[in-house]
Structure formats: C-alpha cells, structure tokens
Amino acid sequence: MKNILRKELLKNRRNLKFEYVTKYSKELFENFIKTKEYKNSKIIMSYMSIKNEVDTKWFNEAIIKNGKKLVLPIIDNNDEIQPILVKKLSKMKVGKYNILEPIGDVIEKQKIDLIIVPGVGFDKSYNRIGFGKGYYDKFLKNYKGIKVGVAYDFQIVDKIDADEYDVKMDMILHF
C-alpha cells in the first residue's frame, strides 16, 4: 500500500512546474519563520531539496541570515544520517544520490532544536512516507526536539499505514 501511494505522490510531484515550486516554497517558509517554533529555535536542521521537493534554498539562507545555526544532513558510509553544522552554503560537495552535502563538523542530534523533514507524503495524524530507505526514521528515533514535515497540499492524505519504525511529525507545513 505504501509503495503504491509513494509512486503516485512522486509522479504528481515530478509534474510540478518550476515556478510553482519556487513560489509555493518561498511563501510556505515565509509563513513558517513567523511561528514561535521557528523563533524559539537556535539550531535548525533543514535539507537540500531535490526532484521538486519543497525548495529549501531560500529557507536555508534565511536561517543563517537570521543569526541561527543551520544544520544539513549527509548520508555516511553506513547509510545513516549525520547532522553537519554549516559554516557557509557555498562550501558544499555532491554526495550520495547527487544531493549537495555540507562540509563541516558533525553536531550532536539532541542539540538541534528543530528539524525540517522532507517527505513523499504525510497524513492527518502526522505520519510520514519517505523514499523507503528509512534514513529519517532511524535518525529521528529518540530525537527530543520539534519535527516539522513540509509538503504540498496533494501530499497530505487521509491515512498512511504506519508501522512501529515510522516516526510521527510534530507539525506539517502546507497550504
């Protein structure tokens, strides 16, 4: 069931126009930076968007501009997420899956106040479908901070068949 839903949602996301992705993403994050969750966070983990995901470029730049610390993930040789404290967005390298990765030092997960989590889909109970590799579910297990999923409206479905390994979000950003 999850795989069928994942394929359908990815197909819909692939068909989005660049202008829509850019406009939607910027408006979404402009609204988010006004929230208490963002304002009260000093260290924020985001991600480098790919394949028509909600675009984080503007948001990542805003985190640094607002005097907060930006953390971005890398996938290490053990196929696990390592959170890297970003000094400059211009210091990036192409990593696994052709995703830009930061060059910097690993930061302890529990020091991160808020994590922006990409997803293929989410449901109304804050469950998430990723790409199916479990990277974020493993990483977010035992994480005590705020977990924020970001999505387009069509990525919000009534119900996802979650299992015991799936980690729920605390909030989902969408219009």
Protein backbone atom coordinates (compact mmCIF):
# COMPACT_ATOMS: atom_id res chain seq x y z
CA MET A 1 0.00 0.00 0.00
CA LYS A 2 2.77 2.46 0.93
CA ASN A 3 4.65 1.75 -2.30
CA ILE A 4 1.60 2.45 -4.46
CA LEU A 5 0.92 5.71 -2.64
CA ARG A 6 4.62 6.66 -2.80
CA LYS A 7 4.71 6.15 -6.60
CA GLU A 8 1.53 8.18 -7.12
CA LEU A 9 2.73 11.09 -4.96
CA LEU A 10 6.18 11.13 -6.58
CA LYS A 11 4.58 11.20 -10.04
CA ASN A 12 2.44 14.19 -9.03
CA ARG A 13 5.47 15.97 -7.57
CA ARG A 14 7.53 15.32 -10.70
CA ASN A 15 4.87 17.10 -12.78
CA LEU A 16 5.05 20.37 -10.83
CA LYS A 17 6.26 23.44 -12.71
CA PHE A 18 9.46 25.17 -11.51
CA GLU A 19 7.65 28.49 -10.98
CA TYR A 20 5.03 26.83 -8.78
CA VAL A 21 7.66 25.03 -6.66
CA THR A 22 9.59 28.27 -6.14
CA LYS A 23 6.55 30.44 -5.28
CA TYR A 24 4.94 27.82 -3.02
CA SER A 25 8.17 27.08 -1.17
CA LYS A 26 9.04 30.70 -0.50
CA GLU A 27 5.53 31.52 0.77
CA LEU A 28 5.49 28.41 2.94
CA PHE A 29 8.78 29.25 4.64
CA GLU A 30 7.97 32.98 4.90
CA ASN A 31 4.93 31.96 6.95
CA PHE A 32 6.94 29.45 8.98
CA ILE A 33 9.61 31.93 10.10
CA LYS A 34 6.83 33.91 11.83
CA THR A 35 5.95 30.95 14.10
CA LYS A 36 7.05 30.54 17.70
CA GLU A 37 8.60 27.18 16.82
CA TYR A 38 10.99 28.87 14.40
CA LYS A 39 11.58 31.96 16.52
CA ASN A 40 12.41 29.89 19.62
CA SER A 41 14.86 27.64 17.77
CA LYS A 42 18.54 28.49 17.69
CA ILE A 43 19.84 25.41 15.85
CA ILE A 44 17.73 24.24 12.90
CA MET A 45 18.30 21.24 10.67
CA SER A 46 16.96 21.52 7.15
CA TYR A 47 17.78 19.63 3.96
CA MET A 48 18.90 20.27 0.40
CA SER A 49 15.84 19.79 -1.79
CA ILE A 50 15.86 17.62 -4.90
CA LYS A 51 13.38 16.48 -7.56
CA ASN A 52 10.68 19.11 -6.95
CA GLU A 53 10.63 18.69 -3.15
CA VAL A 54 9.50 21.81 -1.33
CA ASP A 55 12.51 24.02 -2.12
CA THR A 56 14.63 24.83 0.93
CA LYS A 57 17.13 27.18 -0.74
CA TRP A 58 15.53 30.42 0.47
CA PHE A 59 14.81 28.96 3.92
CA ASN A 60 18.37 27.70 4.43
CA GLU A 61 19.72 31.14 3.54
CA ALA A 62 17.20 32.79 5.89
CA ILE A 63 18.27 30.61 8.82
CA ILE A 64 21.84 31.87 8.50
CA LYS A 65 20.76 35.45 7.79
CA ASN A 66 18.58 35.41 10.93
CA GLY A 67 21.60 34.52 13.08
CA LYS A 68 20.56 30.93 13.71
CA LYS A 69 22.74 27.87 13.16
CA LEU A 70 21.98 25.76 10.10
CA VAL A 71 22.50 22.01 10.13
CA LEU A 72 22.23 19.88 6.98
CA PRO A 73 22.34 16.09 6.70
CA ILE A 74 24.82 13.87 4.96
CA ILE A 75 24.43 10.13 4.39
CA ASP A 76 27.55 8.42 5.72
CA ASN A 77 29.20 5.17 4.61
CA ASN A 78 26.93 3.22 7.00
CA ASP A 79 23.84 4.67 5.27
CA GLU A 80 22.98 6.78 8.29
CA ILE A 81 22.26 10.49 8.53
CA GLN A 82 24.97 12.60 10.11
CA PRO A 83 23.96 16.19 11.02
CA ILE A 84 26.60 18.67 9.86
CA LEU A 85 26.85 22.23 11.17
CA VAL A 86 27.05 24.50 8.12
CA LYS A 87 29.53 27.37 8.10
CA LYS A 88 28.82 28.54 4.53
CA LEU A 89 26.28 27.35 1.99
CA SER A 90 28.91 27.94 -0.68
CA LYS A 91 31.04 25.13 0.81
CA MET A 92 29.15 22.08 -0.45
CA LYS A 93 30.03 18.91 -2.31
CA VAL A 94 27.98 16.42 -4.28
CA GLY A 95 27.22 13.43 -2.09
CA LYS A 96 25.22 10.24 -2.20
CA TYR A 97 22.20 10.33 -4.56
CA ASN A 98 23.68 13.51 -6.16
CA ILE A 99 22.46 15.64 -3.26
CA LEU A 100 24.58 18.62 -2.22
CA GLU A 101 26.15 17.99 1.18
CA PRO A 102 27.85 20.40 3.55
CA ILE A 103 31.48 20.25 4.54
CA GLY A 104 31.77 20.77 8.27
CA ASP A 105 31.62 19.21 11.70
CA VAL A 106 29.06 16.74 13.00
CA ILE A 107 26.76 18.15 15.68
CA GLU A 108 25.02 16.08 18.31
CA LYS A 109 21.43 15.37 17.26
CA GLN A 110 19.94 16.39 20.62
CA LYS A 111 21.48 19.89 20.33
CA ILE A 112 19.23 20.57 17.32
CA ASP A 113 16.07 22.44 18.35
CA LEU A 114 14.01 21.81 15.22
CA ILE A 115 14.34 19.52 12.21
CA ILE A 116 12.69 20.20 8.84
CA VAL A 117 11.90 16.76 7.46
CA PRO A 118 11.32 16.04 3.76
CA GLY A 119 8.69 13.51 2.82
CA VAL A 120 6.90 11.98 -0.13
CA GLY A 121 3.61 12.12 1.78
CA PHE A 122 2.05 12.79 5.17
CA ASP A 123 -1.30 12.02 6.74
CA LYS A 124 -3.61 13.96 9.03
CA SER A 125 -2.20 12.10 12.05
CA TYR A 126 1.33 13.38 11.23
CA ASN A 127 2.62 10.07 9.86
CA ARG A 128 5.16 10.29 7.03
CA ILE A 129 6.17 8.35 3.94
CA GLY A 130 9.75 8.87 2.80
CA PHE A 131 11.62 7.33 -0.09
CA GLY A 132 11.56 3.94 1.63
CA LYS A 133 15.14 3.68 2.88
CA GLY A 134 14.33 4.61 6.50
CA TYR A 135 17.10 7.20 6.84
CA TYR A 136 14.98 9.79 8.62
CA ASP A 137 13.04 7.27 10.73
CA LYS A 138 16.32 5.88 12.08
CA PHE A 139 17.74 9.36 12.62
CA LEU A 140 14.62 10.76 14.32
CA LYS A 141 14.21 7.81 16.70
CA ASN A 142 14.72 9.16 20.25
CA TYR A 143 15.04 12.75 18.98
CA LYS A 144 13.53 15.12 21.56
CA GLY A 145 13.19 18.33 19.51
CA ILE A 146 10.50 19.52 17.10
CA LYS A 147 9.99 17.52 13.89
CA VAL A 148 8.40 19.50 11.07
CA GLY A 149 7.31 17.91 7.81
CA VAL A 150 6.97 20.08 4.71
CA ALA A 151 4.57 19.26 1.91
CA TYR A 152 2.44 20.39 -0.97
CA ASP A 153 -1.31 20.02 -0.38
CA PHE A 154 -1.58 16.94 -2.60
CA GLN A 155 1.00 15.21 -0.38
CA ILE A 156 -1.41 15.25 2.57
CA VAL A 157 -3.56 12.12 2.57
CA ASP A 158 -6.19 10.81 4.96
CA LYS A 159 -4.26 7.81 6.27
CA ILE A 160 -0.86 6.21 5.89
CA ASP A 161 -0.35 2.65 7.09
CA ALA A 162 2.38 3.45 9.60
CA ASP A 163 4.43 0.75 11.26
CA GLU A 164 6.37 0.72 14.53
CA TYR A 165 9.51 2.15 12.86
CA ASP A 166 7.76 5.21 11.44
CA VAL A 167 8.35 8.44 13.38
CA LYS A 168 5.48 10.93 13.54
CA MET A 169 5.98 14.62 12.87
CA ASP A 170 5.03 17.27 15.44
CA MET A 171 3.69 19.56 12.73
CA ILE A 172 3.33 19.65 8.96
CA LEU A 173 3.79 22.82 6.92
CA HIS A 174 1.50 23.13 3.90
CA PHE A 175 -1.21 25.37 2.48
